[in-house]
Protein backbone atom coordinates (compact mmCIF):
# COMPACT_ATOMS: atom_id res chain seq x y z
CA UNK A 1 0.00 0.00 0.00
CA UNK A 2 1.52 3.29 -1.08
CA UNK A 3 1.78 6.25 1.29
CA UNK A 4 -0.52 9.23 0.78
CA UNK A 5 0.55 12.71 -0.25
CA UNK A 6 1.49 14.77 2.83
CA UNK A 7 0.66 18.45 3.21
CA UNK A 8 3.12 20.31 5.42
CA UNK A 9 4.92 23.61 5.90
CA UNK A 10 8.07 24.42 3.92
CA UNK A 11 10.20 27.56 3.62
CA UNK A 12 9.94 28.34 -0.09
CA UNK A 13 12.23 30.69 -2.00
CA UNK A 14 10.24 32.32 -4.81
CA UNK A 15 13.22 34.09 -6.36
CA UNK A 16 16.97 34.63 -5.88
CA UNK A 17 17.63 36.32 -2.55
CA UNK A 18 13.94 36.87 -1.80
CA UNK A 19 12.89 36.16 1.80
CA UNK A 20 11.65 32.61 2.26
CA UNK A 21 7.90 32.18 2.68
CA UNK A 22 6.38 29.50 4.91
CA UNK A 23 3.97 27.80 2.51
CA UNK A 24 1.71 24.78 2.57
CA UNK A 25 3.31 22.28 0.19
CA UNK A 26 2.31 18.81 -0.97
CA UNK A 27 5.00 16.16 -0.58
CA UNK A 28 4.62 13.08 -2.77
CA UNK A 29 5.13 9.59 -1.38
CA UNK A 30 8.57 8.08 -1.93
CA UNK A 31 9.12 6.30 -5.22
CA UNK A 32 11.35 3.31 -5.86
CA UNK A 33 14.52 3.38 -3.72
CA UNK A 34 13.41 6.57 -1.95
CA UNK A 35 12.40 7.40 1.60
CA UNK A 36 10.22 10.17 2.97
CA UNK A 37 11.69 11.82 6.05
CA UNK A 38 10.13 13.90 8.81
CA UNK A 39 12.81 16.57 9.26
CA UNK A 40 13.62 17.15 12.95
CA UNK A 41 16.51 19.62 12.66
CA UNK A 42 18.32 21.32 9.82
CA UNK A 43 21.34 23.58 10.06
CA UNK A 44 22.16 26.50 7.78
CA UNK A 45 25.19 25.95 5.54
CA UNK A 46 26.83 28.80 3.64
CA UNK A 47 26.14 27.02 0.34
CA UNK A 48 22.41 27.28 1.08
CA UNK A 49 22.82 31.05 1.30
CA UNK A 50 25.07 31.25 -1.77
CA UNK A 51 22.66 29.32 -3.96
CA UNK A 52 19.62 31.16 -2.59
CA UNK A 53 21.24 34.48 -3.52
CA UNK A 54 22.63 33.30 -6.86
CA UNK A 55 20.97 34.47 -10.05
CA UNK A 56 22.71 31.82 -12.15
CA UNK A 57 19.63 29.53 -12.30
CA UNK A 58 16.57 31.81 -12.10
CA UNK A 59 14.38 29.12 -13.69
CA UNK A 60 14.88 26.84 -10.64
CA UNK A 61 12.41 28.80 -8.51
CA UNK A 62 10.26 28.35 -6.50
CA UNK A 63 12.74 26.20 -4.61
CA UNK A 64 13.22 24.61 -1.19
CA UNK A 65 16.78 24.85 0.09
CA UNK A 66 18.53 23.07 2.96
CA UNK A 67 20.68 19.93 3.06
CA UNK A 68 22.27 19.54 6.52
CA UNK A 69 19.55 17.65 8.33
CA UNK A 70 18.52 14.96 10.76
CA UNK A 71 15.14 13.31 10.72
CA UNK A 72 12.97 10.22 11.10
CA UNK A 73 11.88 7.91 8.28
CA UNK A 74 8.13 8.34 7.77
CA UNK A 75 7.66 5.95 4.83
CA UNK A 76 9.76 3.92 2.40
CA UNK A 77 9.48 3.30 -1.31
CA UNK A 78 9.65 0.06 -3.22
CA UNK A 79 13.01 -1.73 -3.12
CA UNK A 80 14.34 0.00 0.01
CA UNK A 81 15.87 -2.59 2.32
CA UNK A 82 18.30 -0.62 4.50
CA UNK A 83 15.70 1.56 6.25
CA UNK A 84 12.53 1.01 8.21
CA UNK A 85 9.82 3.44 9.27
CA UNK A 86 10.96 5.13 12.48
CA UNK A 87 14.69 4.98 11.76
CA UNK A 88 16.69 8.08 12.66
CA UNK A 89 18.72 9.35 9.71
CA UNK A 90 21.09 11.99 8.41
CA UNK A 91 20.53 13.30 4.90
CA UNK A 92 23.53 13.88 2.64
CA UNK A 93 23.90 15.99 -0.49
CA UNK A 94 25.87 13.34 -2.37
CA UNK A 95 24.98 9.67 -2.26
CA UNK A 96 26.65 6.32 -2.67
CA UNK A 97 25.11 3.71 -4.95
CA UNK A 98 27.95 1.21 -4.29
CA UNK A 99 27.81 -0.08 -7.87
CA UNK A 100 29.10 2.64 -10.26
CA UNK A 101 32.71 2.94 -11.39
CA UNK A 102 33.55 5.59 -8.79
CA UNK A 103 31.89 3.79 -5.89
CA UNK A 104 33.71 0.52 -6.53
CA UNK A 105 37.06 2.18 -7.29
CA UNK A 106 37.94 2.89 -3.68
CA UNK A 107 39.50 6.11 -4.96
CA UNK A 108 36.55 8.49 -5.11
CA UNK A 109 33.28 9.58 -3.53
CA UNK A 110 31.96 11.03 -6.79
CA UNK A 111 29.06 8.60 -7.25
CA UNK A 112 27.96 8.62 -10.89
CA UNK A 113 24.33 7.86 -10.04
CA UNK A 114 23.85 9.94 -6.89
CA UNK A 115 26.38 12.73 -7.28
CA UNK A 116 25.78 16.41 -6.63
CA UNK A 117 22.36 17.24 -8.10
CA UNK A 118 22.25 20.67 -9.78
CA UNK A 119 18.93 20.66 -11.68
CA UNK A 120 16.53 20.94 -8.75
CA UNK A 121 15.00 17.49 -9.23
CA UNK A 122 15.33 13.92 -7.97
CA UNK A 123 18.13 11.71 -9.30
CA UNK A 124 15.87 8.88 -10.43
CA UNK A 125 13.21 10.43 -12.65
CA UNK A 126 14.32 14.07 -12.97
CA UNK A 127 11.06 15.24 -11.37
CA UNK A 128 10.18 17.00 -8.14
CA UNK A 129 8.40 15.57 -5.10
CA UNK A 130 7.08 18.99 -3.99
CA UNK A 131 4.13 20.92 -5.37
CA UNK A 132 2.12 23.99 -4.41
CA UNK A 133 -1.41 23.90 -5.81
CA UNK A 134 -0.28 21.42 -8.44
CA UNK A 135 2.76 23.40 -9.58
CA UNK A 136 6.25 21.92 -9.06
CA UNK A 137 8.63 23.29 -6.45
CA UNK A 138 12.31 22.56 -7.11
CA UNK A 139 14.68 20.71 -4.81
CA UNK A 140 18.16 21.66 -3.62
CA UNK A 141 20.91 19.02 -3.69
CA UNK A 142 18.12 16.40 -3.82
CA UNK A 143 17.55 16.99 -0.09
CA UNK A 144 15.51 20.20 0.53
CA UNK A 145 15.44 20.06 4.30
CA UNK A 146 13.77 23.47 4.82
CA UNK A 147 10.53 21.50 4.88
CA UNK A 148 8.75 19.56 7.61
CA UNK A 149 8.84 16.51 5.32
CA UNK A 150 11.08 15.72 2.38
CA UNK A 151 11.86 12.84 0.03
CA UNK A 152 15.44 11.64 -0.55
CA UNK A 153 17.02 8.72 -2.34
CA UNK A 154 17.88 5.95 0.10
CA UNK A 155 21.49 6.23 -1.08
CA UNK A 156 21.51 9.82 0.22
CA UNK A 157 20.68 8.99 3.83
CA UNK A 158 22.53 7.32 6.69
CA UNK A 159 20.93 5.49 9.60
CA UNK A 160 22.06 6.81 12.99
CA UNK A 161 21.57 5.83 16.60
CA UNK A 162 18.28 7.00 18.17
CA UNK A 163 20.35 8.25 21.12
CA UNK A 164 22.34 10.72 18.98
CA UNK A 165 21.37 14.37 19.55
CA UNK A 166 19.36 15.28 16.45
CA UNK A 167 19.98 18.99 16.96
CA UNK A 168 23.77 18.57 16.82
CA UNK A 169 24.39 15.50 14.71
CA UNK A 170 22.90 17.28 11.68
CA UNK A 171 26.19 19.20 11.34
CA UNK A 172 27.85 15.97 10.21
CA UNK A 173 25.66 16.06 7.09
CA UNK A 174 28.06 18.52 5.48
CA UNK A 175 30.32 21.11 7.13
CA UNK A 176 31.98 19.24 9.98
CA UNK A 177 32.49 16.08 7.94
CA UNK A 178 33.91 18.06 5.03
CA UNK A 179 36.52 19.72 7.24
CA UNK A 180 37.55 16.57 9.08
CA UNK A 181 37.75 14.62 5.82
CA UNK A 182 39.91 17.28 4.17
CA UNK A 183 42.38 17.00 7.06
CA UNK A 184 42.33 13.23 7.43
CA UNK A 185 41.48 11.69 4.08
CA UNK A 186 42.53 14.25 1.51
CA UNK A 187 45.60 15.85 3.09
CA UNK A 188 46.38 12.98 5.49
CA UNK A 189 48.04 15.46 7.87
CA UNK A 190 51.14 14.08 9.59
CA UNK A 191 52.23 14.55 13.19
CA UNK A 192 54.40 17.58 13.86
CA UNK A 193 53.43 19.35 10.64
CA UNK A 194 52.52 23.00 10.04
CA UNK A 195 49.04 23.87 8.80
CA UNK A 196 47.54 27.13 7.49
CA UNK A 197 43.75 27.46 7.28
CA UNK A 198 42.11 30.28 5.32
CA UNK A 199 38.60 30.95 6.65
CA UNK A 200 37.55 29.92 10.16
CA UNK A 201 33.91 29.09 9.69
CA UNK A 202 32.48 25.68 10.53
CA UNK A 203 34.49 23.97 7.79
CA UNK A 204 37.77 25.71 8.63
CA UNK A 205 37.42 25.02 12.35
CA UNK A 206 36.69 21.38 11.56
CA UNK A 207 39.90 21.24 9.50
CA UNK A 208 41.69 22.69 12.54
CA UNK A 209 40.15 20.04 14.78
CA UNK A 210 41.26 17.33 12.38
CA UNK A 211 44.79 18.76 12.27
CA UNK A 212 44.94 18.98 16.06
CA UNK A 213 43.82 15.36 16.45
CA UNK A 214 46.54 14.34 13.98
CA UNK A 215 49.18 16.08 16.11
CA UNK A 216 50.02 19.08 13.92
CA UNK A 217 52.52 21.30 15.74
CA UNK A 218 51.30 24.65 14.41
CA UNK A 219 47.84 25.49 13.11
CA UNK A 220 47.68 29.02 11.70
CA UNK A 221 44.22 30.49 11.21
CA UNK A 222 43.63 33.27 8.69
CA UNK A 223 40.40 35.26 8.95
CA UNK A 224 39.27 38.88 8.80
CA UNK A 225 37.06 38.44 11.89
CA UNK A 226 39.24 38.83 15.03
CA UNK A 227 36.62 37.04 17.15
CA UNK A 228 37.43 33.83 15.29
CA UNK A 229 40.76 33.50 17.12
CA UNK A 230 39.21 32.92 20.54
CA UNK A 231 36.73 30.47 19.03
CA UNK A 232 39.47 28.82 17.03
CA UNK A 233 41.69 28.09 20.04
CA UNK A 234 39.23 25.49 21.27
CA UNK A 235 39.51 23.68 17.92
CA UNK A 236 43.30 23.75 17.71
CA UNK A 237 44.24 27.14 16.22
CA UNK A 238 47.65 28.10 17.67
CA UNK A 239 48.27 31.35 15.76
CA UNK A 240 46.01 33.88 14.09
CA UNK A 241 46.51 36.26 11.18
CA UNK A 242 44.02 38.97 10.26
CA UNK A 243 44.68 40.06 6.65
CA UNK A 244 43.05 43.44 7.36
CA UNK A 245 45.76 44.20 9.88
CA UNK A 246 48.73 43.16 7.73
CA UNK A 247 50.92 45.45 5.64
CA UNK A 248 52.42 42.62 3.57
CA UNK A 249 50.86 39.72 1.62
CA UNK A 250 49.63 36.85 3.80
CA UNK A 251 51.68 34.29 1.88
CA UNK A 252 54.88 36.20 2.69
CA UNK A 253 54.02 36.28 6.37
CA UNK A 254 53.29 32.55 6.48
CA UNK A 255 56.45 31.68 4.55
CA UNK A 256 58.52 33.83 6.91
CA UNK A 257 57.14 32.46 10.17
CA UNK A 258 57.24 28.83 8.99
CA UNK A 259 60.74 28.88 7.48
CA UNK A 260 59.61 28.54 3.87
CA UNK A 261 55.92 27.74 3.99
CA UNK A 262 53.34 25.48 5.59
CA UNK A 263 53.26 21.74 4.98
CA UNK A 264 49.51 21.97 4.33
CA UNK A 265 47.14 24.82 3.57
CA UNK A 266 43.36 24.78 3.28
CA UNK A 267 41.11 27.21 1.43
CA UNK A 268 37.75 27.30 3.26
CA UNK A 269 36.48 30.69 2.09
CA UNK A 270 35.05 30.05 -1.35
CA UNK A 271 37.30 32.52 -3.14
CA UNK A 272 39.58 31.46 -6.00
CA UNK A 273 41.95 34.32 -5.23
CA UNK A 274 42.45 32.79 -1.79
CA UNK A 275 43.20 29.44 -3.46
CA UNK A 276 46.21 31.05 -5.13
CA UNK A 277 47.27 32.66 -1.85
CA UNK A 278 46.98 29.34 -0.02
CA UNK A 279 49.07 27.62 -2.70
CA UNK A 280 51.76 30.29 -2.38
CA UNK A 281 51.73 29.82 1.41
CA UNK A 282 52.85 26.20 1.07
CA UNK A 283 56.45 25.10 1.06
CA UNK A 284 58.40 23.95 -1.97
CA UNK A 285 58.80 20.24 -2.55
CA UNK A 286 55.82 18.80 -0.71
CA UNK A 287 53.44 21.64 0.16
CA UNK A 288 49.82 20.58 -0.32
CA UNK A 289 46.86 22.91 -0.71
CA UNK A 290 43.32 21.58 -0.36
CA UNK A 291 40.43 23.73 -1.55
CA UNK A 292 37.00 23.21 0.01
CA UNK A 293 35.15 26.46 -0.58
CA UNK A 294 32.59 27.05 -3.34
CA UNK A 295 33.22 30.44 -5.03
CA UNK A 296 30.33 32.81 -5.71
CA UNK A 297 32.20 34.59 -8.51
CA UNK A 298 35.22 33.99 -10.74
CA UNK A 299 35.37 30.20 -10.70
CA UNK A 300 38.72 30.01 -12.52
CA UNK A 301 41.83 29.42 -10.41
CA UNK A 302 44.98 31.27 -11.42
CA UNK A 303 48.47 30.23 -10.32
CA UNK A 304 51.97 30.61 -11.67
CA UNK A 305 53.21 27.33 -13.13
CA UNK A 306 56.40 27.59 -11.05
CA UNK A 307 54.36 26.88 -7.91
CA UNK A 308 53.57 23.42 -9.27
CA UNK A 309 56.95 22.94 -10.93
CA UNK A 310 58.56 23.38 -7.51
CA UNK A 311 56.61 20.44 -6.12
CA UNK A 312 53.48 21.93 -4.63
CA UNK A 313 50.15 20.12 -5.06
CA UNK A 314 46.66 21.58 -5.37
CA UNK A 315 43.77 19.22 -4.57
CA UNK A 316 40.03 19.71 -4.52
CA UNK A 317 37.50 17.82 -2.46
CA UNK A 318 33.77 17.48 -2.02
CA UNK A 319 32.46 16.32 1.36
CA UNK A 320 36.01 15.71 2.54
CA UNK A 321 36.38 12.66 0.33
CA UNK A 322 34.03 10.61 2.50
CA UNK A 323 31.81 7.96 0.94
CA UNK A 324 28.64 8.80 2.84
CA UNK A 325 27.10 5.35 3.34
CA UNK A 326 30.42 3.63 4.02
CA UNK A 327 32.24 6.29 6.05
CA UNK A 328 29.78 8.59 7.80
CA UNK A 329 28.68 6.03 10.43
CA UNK A 330 32.24 6.00 11.82
CA UNK A 331 32.14 9.79 12.26
CA UNK A 332 28.81 9.52 14.04
CA UNK A 333 30.41 6.91 16.34
CA UNK A 334 33.32 9.28 17.06
CA UNK A 335 30.85 12.00 18.00
CA UNK A 336 28.92 9.62 20.25
CA UNK A 337 32.21 8.68 21.99
CA UNK A 338 33.10 12.39 22.33
CA UNK A 339 36.20 11.93 20.18
CA UNK A 340 35.24 14.83 17.91
CA UNK A 341 33.72 18.19 18.86
CA UNK A 342 30.52 19.28 17.13
CA UNK A 343 28.36 21.00 19.76
CA UNK A 344 30.69 24.02 20.07
CA UNK A 345 30.10 24.91 16.42
CA UNK A 346 26.41 25.63 17.04
CA UNK A 347 26.04 29.31 17.90
CA UNK A 348 22.26 29.63 17.54
CA UNK A 349 19.16 27.44 17.96
CA UNK A 350 15.98 28.77 16.37
CA UNK A 351 12.43 27.65 15.55
CA UNK A 352 11.44 27.08 11.91
CA UNK A 353 9.46 30.34 11.95
CA UNK A 354 12.72 32.33 12.25
CA UNK A 355 14.51 30.76 9.29
CA UNK A 356 14.95 34.08 7.49
CA UNK A 357 16.69 35.47 10.55
CA UNK A 358 18.98 32.44 10.53
CA UNK A 359 19.82 32.93 6.84
CA UNK A 360 20.69 36.56 7.48
CA UNK A 361 22.98 35.62 10.36
CA UNK A 362 24.90 33.36 8.00
CA UNK A 363 24.85 35.93 5.21
CA UNK A 364 26.32 38.55 7.57
CA UNK A 365 28.86 36.07 9.04
CA UNK A 366 27.36 36.47 12.51
CA UNK A 367 27.12 32.75 13.25
CA UNK A 368 28.95 29.48 12.73
CA UNK A 369 26.00 27.12 12.54
CA UNK A 370 22.40 27.99 13.28
CA UNK A 371 20.23 24.92 13.92
CA UNK A 372 16.58 25.15 12.92
CA UNK A 373 14.20 23.10 15.08
CA UNK A 374 11.27 22.17 12.86
CA UNK A 375 8.77 21.44 15.63
CA UNK A 376 9.39 24.48 17.84
């Protein structure tokens, strides 16, 4: 027996940058290999704000944003075997089918079937599961968690322990995992090394935490917000540089104080100019730069060839290189055992009715993570 259509509240964006409107939406039942989830908590990620403000895809409105979320399985579609109604889950913006070339390679988390969805529809049939008065409402990253109920592919959800704090564990859906994975999986930071991190938001601080847990000797944070230093100390930042207070280029400062450059640098801002700066801040021979940010403008990266000729490496990563179904459960376990810090990254808790306020806090860089409680 198929599940009925659900009518619920969702925060709908009717145009780029326009305030979200709490609307009554119809949510279709899950189709084959999909699950319908009652969203419990969703946190605001900077990419939600960037895409909401972007005018690059004006035809993908009205749209429901949100992708960092925890929830409870309300119903399951045909063929789903790894979830049951009532399971607690995390949603993820990239999935893992476990059968495509990338999934079976062991070298990549770029699933060819459930990769990053950019068209505002579901992976399987290229259609939406949301409507308002019969008209389609587009998805975001095939998650759309700014809704009391949503439908996701079963390959884009991870079962978690019912005892995990839903209002904190949601951060592992994107930002925290991305930062830890960049430090551990992508860079594979070694003990005693020197690390420079550009941008101390949730992702950058999670990189710092990963570097600290790996035993890095110096973790240099670069940010224009001086308040980030105090916050950063708790996550491993040992030194702080504010570019607004410097009379010389940041890369020169880092090269001088590290005797030639950092072993690893991380770009967590979403600015391709900063990518070049981070690359120049690395040492010759083995310096590695990892870029995690998503730029709003100027997507091309520019760098002098000599930086690469001298042995530096530039690497990109999505979701920290984690395969969500295979790897995320271990991060949840680490959180449950208090081996990784997540709670300290939440600066605000708000009810669903204040979601526009939460978006503005992120837009104005006045928060790290704001958690939206759907039932409050």
